[in-house]
């Protein structure tokens, strides 16, 4: 944007300078009191000068329009980049929230396990002992049965 403003200011100053030069030329011609032939010649030169000025103005306008388009494209690109960054940040925040929720659940499970009452722990141990006792008895009976078959 700053470049565009500088270019516009430069072109505006150039326009002012060309207009001033044209006025000086016209004033000079009036002072000389040129005859008709010289006036026609001068008029032709003035027309040529005006034509050059108009061409320069058109060129400047074209340059300004191109610069404006480039700036619009740059602004669009920046807008897209900002949107992508915003989405990236949102995704990162969602990921962090999910991680925090998972950590909270893990802590909750650990806390629940730690908070089992002493009575519950004892019941679990007794149940485990009974299961082991019955399984070992079963294994022993099976071994004895196999030994009897061999003998």
C-alpha atoms as a PDB file:
ATOM      1  CA  UNK A   1       0.000   0.000   0.000  1.00  0.00           C
ATOM      2  CA  UNK A   2       2.825   2.368   0.835  1.00  0.00           C
ATOM      3  CA  UNK A   3       4.411   1.777  -2.575  1.00  0.00           C
ATOM      4  CA  UNK A   4       1.109   2.511  -4.264  1.00  0.00           C
ATOM      5  CA  UNK A   5       0.736   5.740  -2.327  1.00  0.00           C
ATOM      6  CA  UNK A   6       4.270   6.783  -3.177  1.00  0.00           C
ATOM      7  CA  UNK A   7       3.695   6.000  -6.845  1.00  0.00           C
ATOM      8  CA  UNK A   8       0.416   7.930  -6.827  1.00  0.00           C
ATOM      9  CA  UNK A   9       2.089  10.908  -5.174  1.00  0.00           C
ATOM     10  CA  UNK A  10       4.937  10.807  -7.687  1.00  0.00           C
ATOM     11  CA  UNK A  11       2.485  10.673 -10.589  1.00  0.00           C
ATOM     12  CA  UNK A  12       0.401  13.518  -9.147  1.00  0.00           C
ATOM     13  CA  UNK A  13       3.493  15.670  -8.785  1.00  0.00           C
ATOM     14  CA  UNK A  14       4.474  14.837 -12.361  1.00  0.00           C
ATOM     15  CA  UNK A  15       1.010  15.892 -13.560  1.00  0.00           C
ATOM     16  CA  UNK A  16       1.316  19.176 -11.735  1.00  0.00           C
ATOM     17  CA  UNK A  17       4.763  19.744 -13.227  1.00  0.00           C
ATOM     18  CA  UNK A  18       3.538  19.015 -16.767  1.00  0.00           C
ATOM     19  CA  UNK A  19       0.546  21.342 -16.334  1.00  0.00           C
ATOM     20  CA  UNK A  20       2.874  24.073 -15.090  1.00  0.00           C
ATOM     21  CA  UNK A  21       5.153  23.570 -18.089  1.00  0.00           C
ATOM     22  CA  UNK A  22       2.187  23.765 -20.453  1.00  0.00           C
ATOM     23  CA  UNK A  23       1.058  27.055 -18.882  1.00  0.00           C
ATOM     24  CA  UNK A  24       4.565  28.465 -19.153  1.00  0.00           C
ATOM     25  CA  UNK A  25       4.692  27.525 -22.809  1.00  0.00           C
ATOM     26  CA  UNK A  26       1.333  29.156 -23.437  1.00  0.00           C
ATOM     27  CA  UNK A  27       2.391  32.303 -21.583  1.00  0.00           C
ATOM     28  CA  UNK A  28       5.632  32.423 -23.501  1.00  0.00           C
ATOM     29  CA  UNK A  29       3.819  32.173 -26.803  1.00  0.00           C
ATOM     30  CA  UNK A  30       1.451  34.972 -25.871  1.00  0.00           C
ATOM     31  CA  UNK A  31       4.375  37.230 -24.916  1.00  0.00           C
ATOM     32  CA  UNK A  32       6.162  36.700 -28.174  1.00  0.00           C
ATOM     33  CA  UNK A  33       3.161  37.650 -30.190  1.00  0.00           C
ATOM     34  CA  UNK A  34       3.875  34.980 -32.734  1.00  0.00           C
ATOM     35  CA  UNK A  35       2.483  35.371 -36.151  1.00  0.00           C
ATOM     36  CA  UNK A  36      -0.183  33.042 -37.497  1.00  0.00           C
ATOM     37  CA  UNK A  37       2.280  30.495 -38.916  1.00  0.00           C
ATOM     38  CA  UNK A  38       4.213  30.321 -35.733  1.00  0.00           C
ATOM     39  CA  UNK A  39       0.989  30.095 -33.792  1.00  0.00           C
ATOM     40  CA  UNK A  40      -0.107  27.149 -35.909  1.00  0.00           C
ATOM     41  CA  UNK A  41       3.267  25.509 -35.435  1.00  0.00           C
ATOM     42  CA  UNK A  42       3.114  26.239 -31.767  1.00  0.00           C
ATOM     43  CA  UNK A  43      -0.431  24.957 -31.650  1.00  0.00           C
ATOM     44  CA  UNK A  44       0.727  21.709 -33.266  1.00  0.00           C
ATOM     45  CA  UNK A  45       3.545  21.438 -30.751  1.00  0.00           C
ATOM     46  CA  UNK A  46       1.092  22.154 -27.958  1.00  0.00           C
ATOM     47  CA  UNK A  47      -1.215  19.457 -29.260  1.00  0.00           C
ATOM     48  CA  UNK A  48       1.707  17.074 -29.404  1.00  0.00           C
ATOM     49  CA  UNK A  49       2.676  18.064 -25.876  1.00  0.00           C
ATOM     50  CA  UNK A  50      -0.908  17.603 -24.694  1.00  0.00           C
ATOM     51  CA  UNK A  51      -1.023  14.269 -26.474  1.00  0.00           C
ATOM     52  CA  UNK A  52       2.183  13.191 -24.700  1.00  0.00           C
ATOM     53  CA  UNK A  53       0.764  14.397 -21.403  1.00  0.00           C
ATOM     54  CA  UNK A  54      -2.448  12.468 -22.004  1.00  0.00           C
ATOM     55  CA  UNK A  55      -0.444   9.373 -22.893  1.00  0.00           C
ATOM     56  CA  UNK A  56       1.608   9.752 -19.730  1.00  0.00           C
ATOM     57  CA  UNK A  57      -1.576  10.191 -17.713  1.00  0.00           C
ATOM     58  CA  UNK A  58      -3.098   7.078 -19.278  1.00  0.00           C
ATOM     59  CA  UNK A  59       0.105   5.199 -18.593  1.00  0.00           C
ATOM     60  CA  UNK A  60       0.056   6.383 -14.967  1.00  0.00           C
ATOM     61  CA  UNK A  61      -3.575   5.415 -14.615  1.00  0.00           C
ATOM     62  CA  UNK A  62      -2.789   1.978 -16.037  1.00  0.00           C
ATOM     63  CA  UNK A  63       0.144   1.619 -13.633  1.00  0.00           C
ATOM     64  CA  UNK A  64      -2.049   2.694 -10.742  1.00  0.00           C
ATOM     65  CA  UNK A  65      -4.721   0.173 -11.740  1.00  0.00           C
ATOM     66  CA  UNK A  66      -2.113  -2.591 -11.978  1.00  0.00           C
ATOM     67  CA  UNK A  67      -0.711  -1.600  -8.596  1.00  0.00           C
ATOM     68  CA  UNK A  68      -4.221  -1.591  -7.127  1.00  0.00           C
ATOM     69  CA  UNK A  69      -4.824  -5.094  -8.504  1.00  0.00           C
ATOM     70  CA  UNK A  70      -1.500  -6.318  -7.121  1.00  0.00           C
ATOM     71  CA  UNK A  71      -2.414  -4.869  -3.745  1.00  0.00           C
ATOM     72  CA  UNK A  72      -5.824  -6.540  -3.856  1.00  0.00           C
ATOM     73  CA  UNK A  73      -4.170  -9.865  -4.657  1.00  0.00           C
ATOM     74  CA  UNK A  74      -1.669  -9.360  -1.848  1.00  0.00           C
ATOM     75  CA  UNK A  75      -4.492  -8.492   0.543  1.00  0.00           C
ATOM     76  CA  UNK A  76      -6.364 -11.648  -0.501  1.00  0.00           C
ATOM     77  CA  UNK A  77      -3.226 -13.722   0.025  1.00  0.00           C
ATOM     78  CA  UNK A  78      -2.724 -12.203   3.482  1.00  0.00           C
ATOM     79  CA  UNK A  79      -6.371 -12.797   4.310  1.00  0.00           C
ATOM     80  CA  UNK A  80      -6.050 -16.466   3.319  1.00  0.00           C
ATOM     81  CA  UNK A  81      -2.864 -16.825   5.371  1.00  0.00           C
ATOM     82  CA  UNK A  82      -4.544 -15.299   8.423  1.00  0.00           C
ATOM     83  CA  UNK A  83      -7.496 -17.670   8.009  1.00  0.00           C
ATOM     84  CA  UNK A  84      -5.135 -20.642   7.761  1.00  0.00           C
ATOM     85  CA  UNK A  85      -3.295 -19.510  10.883  1.00  0.00           C
ATOM     86  CA  UNK A  86      -6.599 -19.064  12.715  1.00  0.00           C
ATOM     87  CA  UNK A  87      -7.671 -22.596  11.753  1.00  0.00           C
ATOM     88  CA  UNK A  88      -4.312 -23.983  12.801  1.00  0.00           C
ATOM     89  CA  UNK A  89      -4.643 -22.295  16.192  1.00  0.00           C
ATOM     90  CA  UNK A  90      -8.192 -23.633  16.605  1.00  0.00           C
ATOM     91  CA  UNK A  91      -7.020 -27.161  15.760  1.00  0.00           C
ATOM     92  CA  UNK A  92      -4.166 -26.850  18.249  1.00  0.00           C
ATOM     93  CA  UNK A  93      -6.594 -25.660  20.931  1.00  0.00           C
ATOM     94  CA  UNK A  94      -8.927 -28.592  20.223  1.00  0.00           C
ATOM     95  CA  UNK A  95      -6.013 -31.016  20.410  1.00  0.00           C
ATOM     96  CA  UNK A  96      -4.944 -29.520  23.752  1.00  0.00           C
ATOM     97  CA  UNK A  97      -8.482 -29.772  25.111  1.00  0.00           C
ATOM     98  CA  UNK A  98      -8.665 -33.420  24.070  1.00  0.00           C
ATOM     99  CA  UNK A  99      -5.302 -34.135  25.715  1.00  0.00           C
ATOM    100  CA  UNK A 100      -6.393 -32.377  28.885  1.00  0.00           C
ATOM    101  CA  UNK A 101      -9.631 -34.357  28.935  1.00  0.00           C
ATOM    102  CA  UNK A 102      -7.698 -37.621  28.498  1.00  0.00           C
ATOM    103  CA  UNK A 103      -5.313 -36.657  31.312  1.00  0.00           C
ATOM    104  CA  UNK A 104      -8.260 -35.762  33.539  1.00  0.00           C
ATOM    105  CA  UNK A 105      -9.893 -39.142  32.865  1.00  0.00           C
ATOM    106  CA  UNK A 106      -6.644 -40.990  33.593  1.00  0.00           C
ATOM    107  CA  UNK A 107      -6.283 -39.138  36.899  1.00  0.00           C
ATOM    108  CA  UNK A 108      -9.905 -39.895  37.692  1.00  0.00           C
ATOM    109  CA  UNK A 109      -9.372 -43.601  37.093  1.00  0.00           C
ATOM    110  CA  UNK A 110      -6.249 -43.636  39.216  1.00  0.00           C
ATOM    111  CA  UNK A 111      -8.056 -41.771  41.955  1.00  0.00           C
ATOM    112  CA  UNK A 112     -10.947 -44.240  41.842  1.00  0.00           C
ATOM    113  CA  UNK A 113      -8.571 -47.163  42.103  1.00  0.00           C
ATOM    114  CA  UNK A 114      -6.772 -45.567  45.028  1.00  0.00           C
ATOM    115  CA  UNK A 115     -10.026 -44.738  46.719  1.00  0.00           C
ATOM    116  CA  UNK A 116     -11.281 -48.308  46.792  1.00  0.00           C
ATOM    117  CA  UNK A 117     -12.057 -49.007  50.362  1.00  0.00           C
ATOM    118  CA  UNK A 118      -9.909 -51.340  52.398  1.00  0.00           C
ATOM    119  CA  UNK A 119     -12.850 -53.678  52.643  1.00  0.00           C
ATOM    120  CA  UNK A 120     -13.174 -53.893  48.865  1.00  0.00           C
ATOM    121  CA  UNK A 121      -9.479 -54.616  48.482  1.00  0.00           C
ATOM    122  CA  UNK A 122      -9.724 -57.410  51.031  1.00  0.00           C
ATOM    123  CA  UNK A 123     -12.727 -58.891  49.215  1.00  0.00           C
ATOM    124  CA  UNK A 124     -10.821 -58.828  45.937  1.00  0.00           C
ATOM    125  CA  UNK A 125      -7.828 -60.542  47.522  1.00  0.00           C
ATOM    126  CA  UNK A 126     -10.044 -63.281  49.057  1.00  0.00           C
ATOM    127  CA  UNK A 127     -11.756 -63.836  45.721  1.00  0.00           C
ATOM    128  CA  UNK A 128      -8.378 -64.128  43.980  1.00  0.00           C
ATOM    129  CA  UNK A 129      -7.186 -66.622  46.635  1.00  0.00           C
ATOM    130  CA  UNK A 130     -10.328 -68.784  46.198  1.00  0.00           C
ATOM    131  CA  UNK A 131      -9.905 -68.835  42.420  1.00  0.00           C
ATOM    132  CA  UNK A 132      -6.248 -69.788  42.737  1.00  0.00           C
ATOM    133  CA  UNK A 133      -7.058 -72.469  45.370  1.00  0.00           C
ATOM    134  CA  UNK A 134      -9.699 -74.146  43.185  1.00  0.00           C
ATOM    135  CA  UNK A 135      -7.526 -74.026  40.072  1.00  0.00           C
ATOM    136  CA  UNK A 136      -4.547 -75.524  41.907  1.00  0.00           C
ATOM    137  CA  UNK A 137      -6.793 -78.243  43.327  1.00  0.00           C
ATOM    138  CA  UNK A 138      -8.033 -79.025  39.847  1.00  0.00           C
ATOM    139  CA  UNK A 139      -4.443 -79.238  38.551  1.00  0.00           C
ATOM    140  CA  UNK A 140      -3.452 -81.526  41.418  1.00  0.00           C
ATOM    141  CA  UNK A 141      -6.427 -83.859  40.856  1.00  0.00           C
ATOM    142  CA  UNK A 142      -5.589 -84.073  37.177  1.00  0.00           C
ATOM    143  CA  UNK A 143      -1.943 -84.955  37.900  1.00  0.00           C
ATOM    144  CA  UNK A 144      -2.985 -87.660  40.336  1.00  0.00           C
ATOM    145  CA  UNK A 145      -5.398 -89.102  37.794  1.00  0.00           C
ATOM    146  CA  UNK A 146      -2.634 -89.230  35.150  1.00  0.00           C
ATOM    147  CA  UNK A 147      -0.222 -90.885  37.581  1.00  0.00           C
ATOM    148  CA  UNK A 148      -2.790 -93.590  38.350  1.00  0.00           C
ATOM    149  CA  UNK A 149      -3.266 -94.293  34.662  1.00  0.00           C
ATOM    150  CA  UNK A 150       0.499 -94.740  34.179  1.00  0.00           C
ATOM    151  CA  UNK A 151       0.874 -97.190  37.028  1.00  0.00           C
END
